Amino acid sequence: MLQNQQLIDFVVDKIEDMKGRDVQNLDVSQLSNVTDTMIICSGNSKRHVKSIADNVIREAKLSELEVIGIEGVDDSEWVLVDLGDVVLHIMQDSARDFYQLEKLWAPAVSESKAG
């Protein structure tokens, strides 16, 4: 099992493999009892969002990491991949602008952006 930072690095690496954009890490460990870190990134289209999600899921399974849940793959405007300590949100720009998760979790926004 990977430590939290190793899992974050793993997920960010798999996002970057598929050219995901605007990667943001949010430490929500003090705000949520569901996960420690949220990673948010953008994809250019439904197909791109789905491809990023598929890559993260495939590589996680190959690395014997548990994928707890996957939501939104059918629509692919916003796909959530739950890896336990890390929850990944892959969004098209329109969904990201509308939901503004970074503002919702503003106290958790880290100063440094990944990617």
PDB file of N, CA and C in Angstrom:
ATOM      1  N   MET A   1       0.843  -1.194   0.000  1.00  0.00           N
ATOM      2  CA  MET A   1       0.000   0.000   0.000  1.00  0.00           C
ATOM      3  C   MET A   1       0.878   1.245   0.000  1.00  0.00           C
ATOM      4  N   LEU A   2       0.531   2.203  -0.823  1.00  0.00           N
ATOM      5  CA  LEU A   2       1.307   3.428  -0.929  1.00  0.00           C
ATOM      6  C   LEU A   2       0.952   4.392   0.189  1.00  0.00           C
ATOM      7  N   GLN A   3       1.942   5.156   0.630  1.00  0.00           N
ATOM      8  CA  GLN A   3       1.686   6.246   1.561  1.00  0.00           C
ATOM      9  C   GLN A   3       0.936   7.340   0.801  1.00  0.00           C
ATOM     10  N   ASN A   4       0.309   8.250   1.532  1.00  0.00           N
ATOM     11  CA  ASN A   4      -0.539   9.266   0.908  1.00  0.00           C
ATOM     12  C   ASN A   4       0.206  10.057  -0.175  1.00  0.00           C
ATOM     13  N   GLN A   5       1.404  10.563   0.121  1.00  0.00           N
ATOM     14  CA  GLN A   5       2.133  11.358  -0.872  1.00  0.00           C
ATOM     15  C   GLN A   5       2.519  10.509  -2.077  1.00  0.00           C
ATOM     16  N   GLN A   6       2.865   9.254  -1.850  1.00  0.00           N
ATOM     17  CA  GLN A   6       3.188   8.363  -2.967  1.00  0.00           C
ATOM     18  C   GLN A   6       1.957   8.130  -3.842  1.00  0.00           C
ATOM     19  N   LEU A   7       0.801   7.986  -3.214  1.00  0.00           N
ATOM     20  CA  LEU A   7      -0.438   7.796  -3.965  1.00  0.00           C
ATOM     21  C   LEU A   7      -0.781   9.055  -4.762  1.00  0.00           C
ATOM     22  N   ILE A   8      -0.604  10.220  -4.147  1.00  0.00           N
ATOM     23  CA  ILE A   8      -0.823  11.488  -4.856  1.00  0.00           C
ATOM     24  C   ILE A   8       0.095  11.567  -6.070  1.00  0.00           C
ATOM     25  N   ASP A   9       1.387  11.297  -5.869  1.00  0.00           N
ATOM     26  CA  ASP A   9       2.359  11.346  -6.965  1.00  0.00           C
ATOM     27  C   ASP A   9       1.998  10.350  -8.066  1.00  0.00           C
ATOM     28  N   PHE A  10       1.564   9.161  -7.677  1.00  0.00           N
ATOM     29  CA  PHE A  10       1.157   8.128  -8.628  1.00  0.00           C
ATOM     30  C   PHE A  10       0.000   8.638  -9.489  1.00  0.00           C
ATOM     31  N   VAL A  11      -1.035   9.176  -8.847  1.00  0.00           N
ATOM     32  CA  VAL A  11      -2.220   9.654  -9.569  1.00  0.00           C
ATOM     33  C   VAL A  11      -1.858  10.817 -10.491  1.00  0.00           C
ATOM     34  N   VAL A  12      -1.087  11.780  -9.990  1.00  0.00           N
ATOM     35  CA  VAL A  12      -0.687  12.929 -10.807  1.00  0.00           C
ATOM     36  C   VAL A  12       0.116  12.459 -12.018  1.00  0.00           C
ATOM     37  N   ASP A  13       1.001  11.485 -11.827  1.00  0.00           N
ATOM     38  CA  ASP A  13       1.794  10.942 -12.925  1.00  0.00           C
ATOM     39  C   ASP A  13       0.886  10.331 -13.994  1.00  0.00           C
ATOM     40  N   LYS A  14      -0.124   9.601 -13.580  1.00  0.00           N
ATOM     41  CA  LYS A  14      -1.038   8.965 -14.537  1.00  0.00           C
ATOM     42  C   LYS A  14      -1.917   9.999 -15.241  1.00  0.00           C
ATOM     43  N   ILE A  15      -2.256  11.083 -14.548  1.00  0.00           N
ATOM     44  CA  ILE A  15      -2.981  12.191 -15.187  1.00  0.00           C
ATOM     45  C   ILE A  15      -2.097  12.818 -16.261  1.00  0.00           C
ATOM     46  N   GLU A  16      -0.845  13.084 -15.900  1.00  0.00           N
ATOM     47  CA  GLU A  16       0.081  13.723 -16.835  1.00  0.00           C
ATOM     48  C   GLU A  16       0.376  12.832 -18.034  1.00  0.00           C
ATOM     49  N   ASP A  17       0.379  11.502 -17.843  1.00  0.00           N
ATOM     50  CA  ASP A  17       0.569  10.577 -18.965  1.00  0.00           C
ATOM     51  C   ASP A  17      -0.472  10.810 -20.053  1.00  0.00           C
ATOM     52  N   MET A  18      -1.670  11.214 -19.648  1.00  0.00           N
ATOM     53  CA  MET A  18      -2.773  11.414 -20.590  1.00  0.00           C
ATOM     54  C   MET A  18      -3.030  12.896 -20.876  1.00  0.00           C
ATOM     55  N   LYS A  19      -2.073  13.734 -20.509  1.00  0.00           N
ATOM     56  CA  LYS A  19      -2.141  15.176 -20.801  1.00  0.00           C
ATOM     57  C   LYS A  19      -3.304  15.881 -20.111  1.00  0.00           C
ATOM     58  N   GLY A  20      -3.651  15.432 -18.896  1.00  0.00           N
ATOM     59  CA  GLY A  20      -4.634  16.152 -18.093  1.00  0.00           C
ATOM     60  C   GLY A  20      -4.087  17.528 -17.742  1.00  0.00           C
ATOM     61  N   ARG A  21      -4.975  18.504 -17.582  1.00  0.00           N
ATOM     62  CA  ARG A  21      -4.556  19.889 -17.370  1.00  0.00           C
ATOM     63  C   ARG A  21      -4.981  20.404 -16.004  1.00  0.00           C
ATOM     64  N   ASP A  22      -4.332  21.483 -15.596  1.00  0.00           N
ATOM     65  CA  ASP A  22      -4.726  22.255 -14.409  1.00  0.00           C
ATOM     66  C   ASP A  22      -4.929  21.366 -13.180  1.00  0.00           C
ATOM     67  N   VAL A  23      -3.913  20.581 -12.876  1.00  0.00           N
ATOM     68  CA  VAL A  23      -3.989  19.654 -11.746  1.00  0.00           C
ATOM     69  C   VAL A  23      -3.854  20.428 -10.438  1.00  0.00           C
ATOM     70  N   GLN A  24      -4.793  20.187  -9.541  1.00  0.00           N
ATOM     71  CA  GLN A  24      -4.806  20.864  -8.238  1.00  0.00           C
ATOM     72  C   GLN A  24      -4.978  19.815  -7.146  1.00  0.00           C
ATOM     73  N   ASN A  25      -4.101  19.859  -6.143  1.00  0.00           N
ATOM     74  CA  ASN A  25      -4.217  18.982  -4.970  1.00  0.00           C
ATOM     75  C   ASN A  25      -4.862  19.757  -3.840  1.00  0.00           C
ATOM     76  N   LEU A  26      -5.823  19.129  -3.178  1.00  0.00           N
ATOM     77  CA  LEU A  26      -6.468  19.752  -2.026  1.00  0.00           C
ATOM     78  C   LEU A  26      -6.335  18.814  -0.827  1.00  0.00           C
ATOM     79  N   ASP A  27      -5.708  19.286   0.231  1.00  0.00           N
ATOM     80  CA  ASP A  27      -5.604  18.519   1.469  1.00  0.00           C
ATOM     81  C   ASP A  27      -6.885  18.754   2.264  1.00  0.00           C
ATOM     82  N   VAL A  28      -7.742  17.749   2.290  1.00  0.00           N
ATOM     83  CA  VAL A  28      -9.023  17.875   2.985  1.00  0.00           C
ATOM     84  C   VAL A  28      -9.064  17.017   4.253  1.00  0.00           C
ATOM     85  N   SER A  29      -7.901  16.606   4.709  1.00  0.00           N
ATOM     86  CA  SER A  29      -7.833  15.693   5.857  1.00  0.00           C
ATOM     87  C   SER A  29      -8.450  16.288   7.120  1.00  0.00           C
ATOM     88  N   GLN A  30      -8.406  17.612   7.256  1.00  0.00           N
ATOM     89  CA  GLN A  30      -8.995  18.261   8.428  1.00  0.00           C
ATOM     90  C   GLN A  30     -10.458  18.642   8.211  1.00  0.00           C
ATOM     91  N   LEU A  31     -10.936  18.478   6.966  1.00  0.00           N
ATOM     92  CA  LEU A  31     -12.290  18.909   6.616  1.00  0.00           C
ATOM     93  C   LEU A  31     -13.225  17.761   6.265  1.00  0.00           C
ATOM     94  N   SER A  32     -12.668  16.584   6.013  1.00  0.00           N
ATOM     95  CA  SER A  32     -13.465  15.458   5.541  1.00  0.00           C
ATOM     96  C   SER A  32     -13.063  14.186   6.270  1.00  0.00           C
ATOM     97  N   ASN A  33     -14.040  13.353   6.561  1.00  0.00           N
ATOM     98  CA  ASN A  33     -13.717  12.048   7.120  1.00  0.00           C
ATOM     99  C   ASN A  33     -13.807  10.963   6.049  1.00  0.00           C
ATOM    100  N   VAL A  34     -13.970  11.371   4.807  1.00  0.00           N
ATOM    101  CA  VAL A  34     -14.101  10.439   3.698  1.00  0.00           C
ATOM    102  C   VAL A  34     -12.765  10.192   3.005  1.00  0.00           C
ATOM    103  N   THR A  35     -11.952  11.233   2.876  1.00  0.00           N
ATOM    104  CA  THR A  35     -10.673  11.125   2.181  1.00  0.00           C
ATOM    105  C   THR A  35      -9.706  12.149   2.747  1.00  0.00           C
ATOM    106  N   ASP A  36      -8.425  11.969   2.449  1.00  0.00           N
ATOM    107  CA  ASP A  36      -7.407  12.919   2.894  1.00  0.00           C
ATOM    108  C   ASP A  36      -7.087  13.964   1.835  1.00  0.00           C
ATOM    109  N   THR A  37      -7.124  13.540   0.568  1.00  0.00           N
ATOM    110  CA  THR A  37      -6.713  14.424  -0.520  1.00  0.00           C
ATOM    111  C   THR A  37      -7.685  14.320  -1.682  1.00  0.00           C
ATOM    112  N   MET A  38      -8.026  15.471  -2.244  1.00  0.00           N
ATOM    113  CA  MET A  38      -8.763  15.513  -3.498  1.00  0.00           C
ATOM    114  C   MET A  38      -7.815  16.054  -4.556  1.00  0.00           C
ATOM    115  N   ILE A  39      -7.818  15.411  -5.688  1.00  0.00           N
ATOM    116  CA  ILE A  39      -7.063  15.900  -6.836  1.00  0.00           C
ATOM    117  C   ILE A  39      -8.090  16.246  -7.900  1.00  0.00           C
ATOM    118  N   ILE A  40      -7.979  17.450  -8.432  1.00  0.00           N
ATOM    119  CA  ILE A  40      -8.897  17.916  -9.471  1.00  0.00           C
ATOM    120  C   ILE A  40      -8.065  18.210 -10.712  1.00  0.00           C
ATOM    121  N   CYS A  41      -8.545  17.754 -11.863  1.00  0.00           N
ATOM    122  CA  CYS A  41      -7.866  18.087 -13.113  1.00  0.00           C
ATOM    123  C   CYS A  41      -8.905  18.273 -14.207  1.00  0.00           C
ATOM    124  N   SER A  42      -8.464  18.834 -15.311  1.00  0.00           N
ATOM    125  CA  SER A  42      -9.357  19.103 -16.439  1.00  0.00           C
ATOM    126  C   SER A  42      -8.972  18.261 -17.642  1.00  0.00           C
ATOM    127  N   GLY A  43     -10.003  17.889 -18.400  1.00  0.00           N
ATOM    128  CA  GLY A  43      -9.829  17.239 -19.688  1.00  0.00           C
ATOM    129  C   GLY A  43     -10.500  18.082 -20.755  1.00  0.00           C
ATOM    130  N   ASN A  44     -10.065  17.924 -21.994  1.00  0.00           N
ATOM    131  CA  ASN A  44     -10.536  18.768 -23.094  1.00  0.00           C
ATOM    132  C   ASN A  44     -11.912  18.394 -23.632  1.00  0.00           C
ATOM    133  N   SER A  45     -12.317  17.150 -23.445  1.00  0.00           N
ATOM    134  CA  SER A  45     -13.567  16.653 -24.016  1.00  0.00           C
ATOM    135  C   SER A  45     -14.038  15.468 -23.185  1.00  0.00           C
ATOM    136  N   LYS A  46     -15.247  14.989 -23.488  1.00  0.00           N
ATOM    137  CA  LYS A  46     -15.741  13.800 -22.787  1.00  0.00           C
ATOM    138  C   LYS A  46     -14.801  12.619 -22.994  1.00  0.00           C
ATOM    139  N   ARG A  47     -14.345  12.454 -24.219  1.00  0.00           N
ATOM    140  CA  ARG A  47     -13.428  11.346 -24.522  1.00  0.00           C
ATOM    141  C   ARG A  47     -12.122  11.495 -23.744  1.00  0.00           C
ATOM    142  N   HIS A  48     -11.599  12.711 -23.653  1.00  0.00           N
ATOM    143  CA  HIS A  48     -10.353  12.953 -22.929  1.00  0.00           C
ATOM    144  C   HIS A  48     -10.530  12.683 -21.437  1.00  0.00           C
ATOM    145  N   VAL A  49     -11.631  13.161 -20.864  1.00  0.00           N
ATOM    146  CA  VAL A  49     -11.922  12.916 -19.445  1.00  0.00           C
ATOM    147  C   VAL A  49     -11.987  11.414 -19.185  1.00  0.00           C
ATOM    148  N   LYS A  50     -12.700  10.689 -20.040  1.00  0.00           N
ATOM    149  CA  LYS A  50     -12.828   9.238 -19.876  1.00  0.00           C
ATOM    150  C   LYS A  50     -11.475   8.551 -20.029  1.00  0.00           C
ATOM    151  N   SER A  51     -10.656   9.007 -20.965  1.00  0.00           N
ATOM    152  CA  SER A  51      -9.334   8.408 -21.172  1.00  0.00           C
ATOM    153  C   SER A  51      -8.431   8.596 -19.959  1.00  0.00           C
ATOM    154  N   ILE A  52      -8.475   9.779 -19.358  1.00  0.00           N
ATOM    155  CA  ILE A  52      -7.687  10.027 -18.145  1.00  0.00           C
ATOM    156  C   ILE A  52      -8.147   9.076 -17.041  1.00  0.00           C
ATOM    157  N   ALA A  53      -9.464   8.996 -16.841  1.00  0.00           N
ATOM    158  CA  ALA A  53     -10.009   8.111 -15.804  1.00  0.00           C
ATOM    159  C   ALA A  53      -9.621   6.662 -16.072  1.00  0.00           C
ATOM    160  N   ASP A  54      -9.791   6.216 -17.300  1.00  0.00           N
ATOM    161  CA  ASP A  54      -9.456   4.833 -17.647  1.00  0.00           C
ATOM    162  C   ASP A  54      -7.991   4.534 -17.372  1.00  0.00           C
ATOM    163  N   ASN A  55      -7.106   5.481 -17.686  1.00  0.00           N
ATOM    164  CA  ASN A  55      -5.678   5.275 -17.460  1.00  0.00           C
ATOM    165  C   ASN A  55      -5.363   5.165 -15.968  1.00  0.00           C
ATOM    166  N   VAL A  56      -5.922   6.066 -15.171  1.00  0.00           N
ATOM    167  CA  VAL A  56      -5.681   6.020 -13.723  1.00  0.00           C
ATOM    168  C   VAL A  56      -6.201   4.703 -13.150  1.00  0.00           C
ATOM    169  N   ILE A  57      -7.398   4.302 -13.553  1.00  0.00           N
ATOM    170  CA  ILE A  57      -8.001   3.063 -13.047  1.00  0.00           C
ATOM    171  C   ILE A  57      -7.171   1.850 -13.458  1.00  0.00           C
ATOM    172  N   ARG A  58      -6.811   1.769 -14.731  1.00  0.00           N
ATOM    173  CA  ARG A  58      -6.029   0.639 -15.238  1.00  0.00           C
ATOM    174  C   ARG A  58      -4.688   0.536 -14.520  1.00  0.00           C
ATOM    175  N   GLU A  59      -3.979   1.662 -14.422  1.00  0.00           N
ATOM    176  CA  GLU A  59      -2.659   1.649 -13.789  1.00  0.00           C
ATOM    177  C   GLU A  59      -2.754   1.355 -12.294  1.00  0.00           C
ATOM    178  N   ALA A  60      -3.807   1.838 -11.647  1.00  0.00           N
ATOM    179  CA  ALA A  60      -4.003   1.541 -10.225  1.00  0.00           C
ATOM    180  C   ALA A  60      -4.195   0.042 -10.025  1.00  0.00           C
ATOM    181  N   LYS A  61      -5.031  -0.555 -10.853  1.00  0.00           N
ATOM    182  CA  LYS A  61      -5.270  -1.998 -10.733  1.00  0.00           C
ATOM    183  C   LYS A  61      -4.009  -2.797 -11.035  1.00  0.00           C
ATOM    184  N   LEU A  62      -3.241  -2.366 -12.040  1.00  0.00           N
ATOM    185  CA  LEU A  62      -1.982  -3.047 -12.350  1.00  0.00           C
ATOM    186  C   LEU A  62      -0.988  -2.950 -11.194  1.00  0.00           C
ATOM    187  N   SER A  63      -1.085  -1.870 -10.426  1.00  0.00           N
ATOM    188  CA  SER A  63      -0.211  -1.671  -9.262  1.00  0.00           C
ATOM    189  C   SER A  63      -0.831  -2.240  -7.985  1.00  0.00           C
ATOM    190  N   GLU A  64      -1.923  -2.987  -8.158  1.00  0.00           N
ATOM    191  CA  GLU A  64      -2.624  -3.635  -7.049  1.00  0.00           C
ATOM    192  C   GLU A  64      -3.140  -2.645  -6.009  1.00  0.00           C
ATOM    193  N   LEU A  65      -3.560  -1.465  -6.485  1.00  0.00           N
ATOM    194  CA  LEU A  65      -4.215  -0.481  -5.627  1.00  0.00           C
ATOM    195  C   LEU A  65      -5.718  -0.707  -5.708  1.00  0.00           C
ATOM    196  N   GLU A  66      -6.401  -0.481  -4.608  1.00  0.00           N
ATOM    197  CA  GLU A  66      -7.841  -0.680  -4.583  1.00  0.00           C
ATOM    198  C   GLU A  66      -8.558   0.545  -5.145  1.00  0.00           C
ATOM    199  N   VAL A  67      -9.364   0.317  -6.159  1.00  0.00           N
ATOM    200  CA  VAL A  67     -10.249   1.354  -6.687  1.00  0.00           C
ATOM    201  C   VAL A  67     -11.598   1.134  -6.012  1.00  0.00           C
ATOM    202  N   ILE A  68     -11.934   2.016  -5.089  1.00  0.00           N
ATOM    203  CA  ILE A  68     -13.130   1.839  -4.264  1.00  0.00           C
ATOM    204  C   ILE A  68     -14.401   2.157  -5.034  1.00  0.00           C
ATOM    205  N   GLY A  69     -14.342   3.177  -5.878  1.00  0.00           N
ATOM    206  CA  GLY A  69     -15.533   3.549  -6.627  1.00  0.00           C
ATOM    207  C   GLY A  69     -15.209   4.426  -7.814  1.00  0.00           C
ATOM    208  N   ILE A  70     -16.112   4.384  -8.788  1.00  0.00           N
ATOM    209  CA  ILE A  70     -15.986   5.184 -10.005  1.00  0.00           C
ATOM    210  C   ILE A  70     -17.374   5.730 -10.312  1.00  0.00           C
ATOM    211  N   GLU A  71     -17.472   7.021 -10.534  1.00  0.00           N
ATOM    212  CA  GLU A  71     -18.762   7.644 -10.848  1.00  0.00           C
ATOM    213  C   GLU A  71     -18.613   8.540 -12.072  1.00  0.00           C
ATOM    214  N   GLY A  72     -19.647   8.590 -12.898  1.00  0.00           N
ATOM    215  CA  GLY A  72     -19.715   9.555 -13.982  1.00  0.00           C
ATOM    216  C   GLY A  72     -19.113   9.138 -15.300  1.00  0.00           C
ATOM    217  N   VAL A  73     -18.659   7.896 -15.420  1.00  0.00           N
ATOM    218  CA  VAL A  73     -17.993   7.472 -16.650  1.00  0.00           C
ATOM    219  C   VAL A  73     -18.946   7.513 -17.842  1.00  0.00           C
ATOM    220  N   ASP A  74     -20.210   7.195 -17.622  1.00  0.00           N
ATOM    221  CA  ASP A  74     -21.169   7.188 -18.735  1.00  0.00           C
ATOM    222  C   ASP A  74     -21.336   8.571 -19.353  1.00  0.00           C
ATOM    223  N   ASP A  75     -21.376   9.596 -18.525  1.00  0.00           N
ATOM    224  CA  ASP A  75     -21.552  10.969 -19.006  1.00  0.00           C
ATOM    225  C   ASP A  75     -20.212  11.595 -19.377  1.00  0.00           C
ATOM    226  N   SER A  76     -19.205  11.382 -18.550  1.00  0.00           N
ATOM    227  CA  SER A  76     -17.822  11.825 -18.763  1.00  0.00           C
ATOM    228  C   SER A  76     -17.625  13.335 -18.803  1.00  0.00           C
ATOM    229  N   GLU A  77     -18.567  14.111 -18.253  1.00  0.00           N
ATOM    230  CA  GLU A  77     -18.288  15.531 -18.060  1.00  0.00           C
ATOM    231  C   GLU A  77     -17.528  15.722 -16.758  1.00  0.00           C
ATOM    232  N   TRP A  78     -17.809  14.826 -15.804  1.00  0.00           N
ATOM    233  CA  TRP A  78     -17.147  14.849 -14.498  1.00  0.00           C
ATOM    234  C   TRP A  78     -17.058  13.402 -14.034  1.00  0.00           C
ATOM    235  N   VAL A  79     -15.844  12.885 -13.967  1.00  0.00           N
ATOM    236  CA  VAL A  79     -15.630  11.515 -13.514  1.00  0.00           C
ATOM    237  C   VAL A  79     -14.901  11.566 -12.185  1.00  0.00           C
ATOM    238  N   LEU A  80     -15.385  10.787 -11.234  1.00  0.00           N
ATOM    239  CA  LEU A  80     -14.774  10.688  -9.916  1.00  0.00           C
ATOM    240  C   LEU A  80     -14.194   9.289  -9.776  1.00  0.00           C
ATOM    241  N   VAL A  81     -12.934   9.214  -9.344  1.00  0.00           N
ATOM    242  CA  VAL A  81     -12.276   7.940  -9.076  1.00  0.00           C
ATOM    243  C   VAL A  81     -11.851   7.949  -7.616  1.00  0.00           C
ATOM    244  N   ASP A  82     -12.413   7.041  -6.833  1.00  0.00           N
ATOM    245  CA  ASP A  82     -12.146   6.963  -5.395  1.00  0.00           C
ATOM    246  C   ASP A  82     -11.078   5.908  -5.137  1.00  0.00           C
ATOM    247  N   LEU A  83      -9.926   6.365  -4.660  1.00  0.00           N
ATOM    248  CA  LEU A  83      -8.823   5.475  -4.312  1.00  0.00           C
ATOM    249  C   LEU A  83      -8.594   5.458  -2.803  1.00  0.00           C
ATOM    250  N   GLY A  84      -9.612   5.806  -2.054  1.00  0.00           N
ATOM    251  CA  GLY A  84      -9.504   5.785  -0.594  1.00  0.00           C
ATOM    252  C   GLY A  84      -8.937   7.081  -0.055  1.00  0.00           C
ATOM    253  N   ASP A  85      -7.638   7.104   0.213  1.00  0.00           N
ATOM    254  CA  ASP A  85      -6.999   8.305   0.750  1.00  0.00           C
ATOM    255  C   ASP A  85      -6.964   9.445  -0.258  1.00  0.00           C
ATOM    256  N   VAL A  86      -7.134   9.111  -1.536  1.00  0.00           N
ATOM    257  CA  VAL A  86      -7.149  10.113  -2.605  1.00  0.00           C
ATOM    258  C   VAL A  86      -8.411   9.916  -3.441  1.00  0.00           C
ATOM    259  N   VAL A  87      -9.132  11.013  -3.660  1.00  0.00           N
ATOM    260  CA  VAL A  87     -10.279  11.002  -4.568  1.00  0.00           C
ATOM    261  C   VAL A  87      -9.938  11.933  -5.725  1.00  0.00           C
ATOM    262  N   LEU A  88     -10.038  11.402  -6.936  1.00  0.00           N
ATOM    263  CA  LEU A  88      -9.708  12.147  -8.144  1.00  0.00           C
ATOM    264  C   LEU A  88     -10.983  12.618  -8.830  1.00  0.00           C
ATOM    265  N   HIS A  89     -11.027  13.916  -9.155  1.00  0.00           N
ATOM    266  CA  HIS A  89     -12.119  14.507  -9.926  1.00  0.00           C
ATOM    267  C   HIS A  89     -11.535  14.936 -11.270  1.00  0.00           C
ATOM    268  N   ILE A  90     -12.041  14.363 -12.353  1.00  0.00           N
ATOM    269  CA  ILE A  90     -11.607  14.728 -13.702  1.00  0.00           C
ATOM    270  C   ILE A  90     -12.800  15.406 -14.356  1.00  0.00           C
ATOM    271  N   MET A  91     -12.619  16.657 -14.761  1.00  0.00           N
ATOM    272  CA  MET A  91     -13.763  17.448 -15.205  1.00  0.00           C
ATOM    273  C   MET A  91     -13.472  18.158 -16.523  1.00  0.00           C
ATOM    274  N   GLN A  92     -14.511  18.297 -17.342  1.00  0.00           N
ATOM    275  CA  GLN A  92     -14.418  19.213 -18.464  1.00  0.00           C
ATOM    276  C   GLN A  92     -14.452  20.627 -17.902  1.00  0.00           C
ATOM    277  N   ASP A  93     -13.922  21.571 -18.655  1.00  0.00           N
ATOM    278  CA  ASP A  93     -13.847  22.952 -18.169  1.00  0.00           C
ATOM    279  C   ASP A  93     -15.209  23.495 -17.752  1.00  0.00           C
ATOM    280  N   SER A  94     -16.254  23.187 -18.519  1.00  0.00           N
ATOM    281  CA  SER A  94     -17.583  23.720 -18.196  1.00  0.00           C
ATOM    282  C   SER A  94     -18.061  23.218 -16.835  1.00  0.00           C
ATOM    283  N   ALA A  95     -17.857  21.948 -16.543  1.00  0.00           N
ATOM    284  CA  ALA A  95     -18.259  21.397 -15.241  1.00  0.00           C
ATOM    285  C   ALA A  95     -17.388  21.960 -14.127  1.00  0.00           C
ATOM    286  N   ARG A  96     -16.109  22.097 -14.394  1.00  0.00           N
ATOM    287  CA  ARG A  96     -15.197  22.630 -13.371  1.00  0.00           C
ATOM    288  C   ARG A  96     -15.537  24.077 -13.043  1.00  0.00           C
ATOM    289  N   ASP A  97     -15.846  24.862 -14.072  1.00  0.00           N
ATOM    290  CA  ASP A  97     -16.239  26.258 -13.850  1.00  0.00           C
ATOM    291  C   ASP A  97     -17.564  26.344 -13.093  1.00  0.00           C
ATOM    292  N   PHE A  98     -18.491  25.448 -13.403  1.00  0.00           N
ATOM    293  CA  PHE A  98     -19.809  25.487 -12.773  1.00  0.00           C
ATOM    294  C   PHE A  98     -19.747  25.076 -11.297  1.00  0.00           C
ATOM    295  N   TYR A  99     -19.079  23.965 -11.006  1.00  0.00           N
ATOM    296  CA  TYR A  99     -19.079  23.438  -9.637  1.00  0.00           C
ATOM    297  C   TYR A  99     -18.032  24.079  -8.732  1.00  0.00           C
ATOM    298  N   GLN A 100     -16.955  24.569  -9.307  1.00  0.00           N
ATOM    299  CA  GLN A 100     -15.912  25.291  -8.567  1.00  0.00           C
ATOM    300  C   GLN A 100     -15.526  24.591  -7.261  1.00  0.00           C
ATOM    301  N   LEU A 101     -15.106  23.346  -7.379  1.00  0.00           N
ATOM    302  CA  LEU A 101     -14.733  22.573  -6.191  1.00  0.00           C
ATOM    303  C   LEU A 101     -13.614  23.230  -5.399  1.00  0.00           C
ATOM    304  N   GLU A 102     -12.701  23.901  -6.099  1.00  0.00           N
ATOM    305  CA  GLU A 102     -11.610  24.571  -5.389  1.00  0.00           C
ATOM    306  C   GLU A 102     -12.147  25.620  -4.419  1.00  0.00           C
ATOM    307  N   LYS A 103     -13.183  26.343  -4.826  1.00  0.00           N
ATOM    308  CA  LYS A 103     -13.772  27.350  -3.928  1.00  0.00           C
ATOM    309  C   LYS A 103     -14.559  26.690  -2.807  1.00  0.00           C
ATOM    310  N   LEU A 104     -15.255  25.606  -3.135  1.00  0.00           N
ATOM    311  CA  LEU A 104     -16.021  24.885  -2.122  1.00  0.00           C
ATOM    312  C   LEU A 104     -15.111  24.390  -0.997  1.00  0.00           C
ATOM    313  N   TRP A 105     -13.940  23.932  -1.372  1.00  0.00           N
ATOM    314  CA  TRP A 105     -12.970  23.410  -0.410  1.00  0.00           C
ATOM    315  C   TRP A 105     -11.839  24.407  -0.197  1.00  0.00           C
ATOM    316  N   ALA A 106     -12.109  25.697  -0.327  1.00  0.00           N
ATOM    317  CA  ALA A 106     -11.095  26.759  -0.284  1.00  0.00           C
ATOM    318  C   ALA A 106     -10.093  26.638   0.858  1.00  0.00           C
ATOM    319  N   PRO A 107     -10.495  26.309   2.080  1.00  0.00           N
ATOM    320  CA  PRO A 107      -9.495  26.199   3.152  1.00  0.00           C
ATOM    321  C   PRO A 107      -8.446  25.126   2.877  1.00  0.00           C
ATOM    322  N   ALA A 108      -8.761  24.206   1.966  1.00  0.00           N
ATOM    323  CA  ALA A 108      -7.864  23.086   1.712  1.00  0.00           C
ATOM    324  C   ALA A 108      -6.929  23.312   0.531  1.00  0.00           C
ATOM    325  N   VAL A 109      -7.124  24.373  -0.231  1.00  0.00           N
ATOM    326  CA  VAL A 109      -6.325  24.575  -1.437  1.00  0.00           C
ATOM    327  C   VAL A 109      -4.869  24.775  -1.057  1.00  0.00           C
ATOM    328  N   SER A 110      -4.029  23.947  -1.650  1.00  0.00           N
ATOM    329  CA  SER A 110      -2.603  24.062  -1.362  1.00  0.00           C
ATOM    330  C   SER A 110      -2.009  25.188  -2.189  1.00  0.00           C
ATOM    331  N   GLU A 111      -0.934  25.742  -1.700  1.00  0.00           N
ATOM    332  CA  GLU A 111      -0.269  26.841  -2.405  1.00  0.00           C
ATOM    333  C   GLU A 111       0.384  26.359  -3.687  1.00  0.00           C
ATOM    334  N   SER A 112       0.852  25.124  -3.693  1.00  0.00           N
ATOM    335  CA  SER A 112       1.553  24.630  -4.871  1.00  0.00           C
ATOM    336  C   SER A 112       0.627  23.755  -5.690  1.00  0.00           C
ATOM    337  N   LYS A 113       0.622  24.014  -6.975  1.00  0.00           N
ATOM    338  CA  LYS A 113      -0.162  23.208  -7.895  1.00  0.00           C
ATOM    339  C   LYS A 113       0.750  22.139  -8.466  1.00  0.00           C
ATOM    340  N   ALA A 114       0.205  20.962  -8.641  1.00  0.00           N
ATOM    341  CA  ALA A 114       0.956  19.891  -9.289  1.00  0.00           C
ATOM    342  C   ALA A 114       0.784  20.052 -10.791  1.00  0.00           C
ATOM    343  N   GLY A 115       1.782  19.611 -11.530  1.00  0.00           N
ATOM    344  CA  GLY A 115       1.659  19.595 -12.979  1.00  0.00           C
ATOM    345  C   GLY A 115       1.909  20.850 -13.615  1.00  0.00           C
TER     346      GLY A 115
END
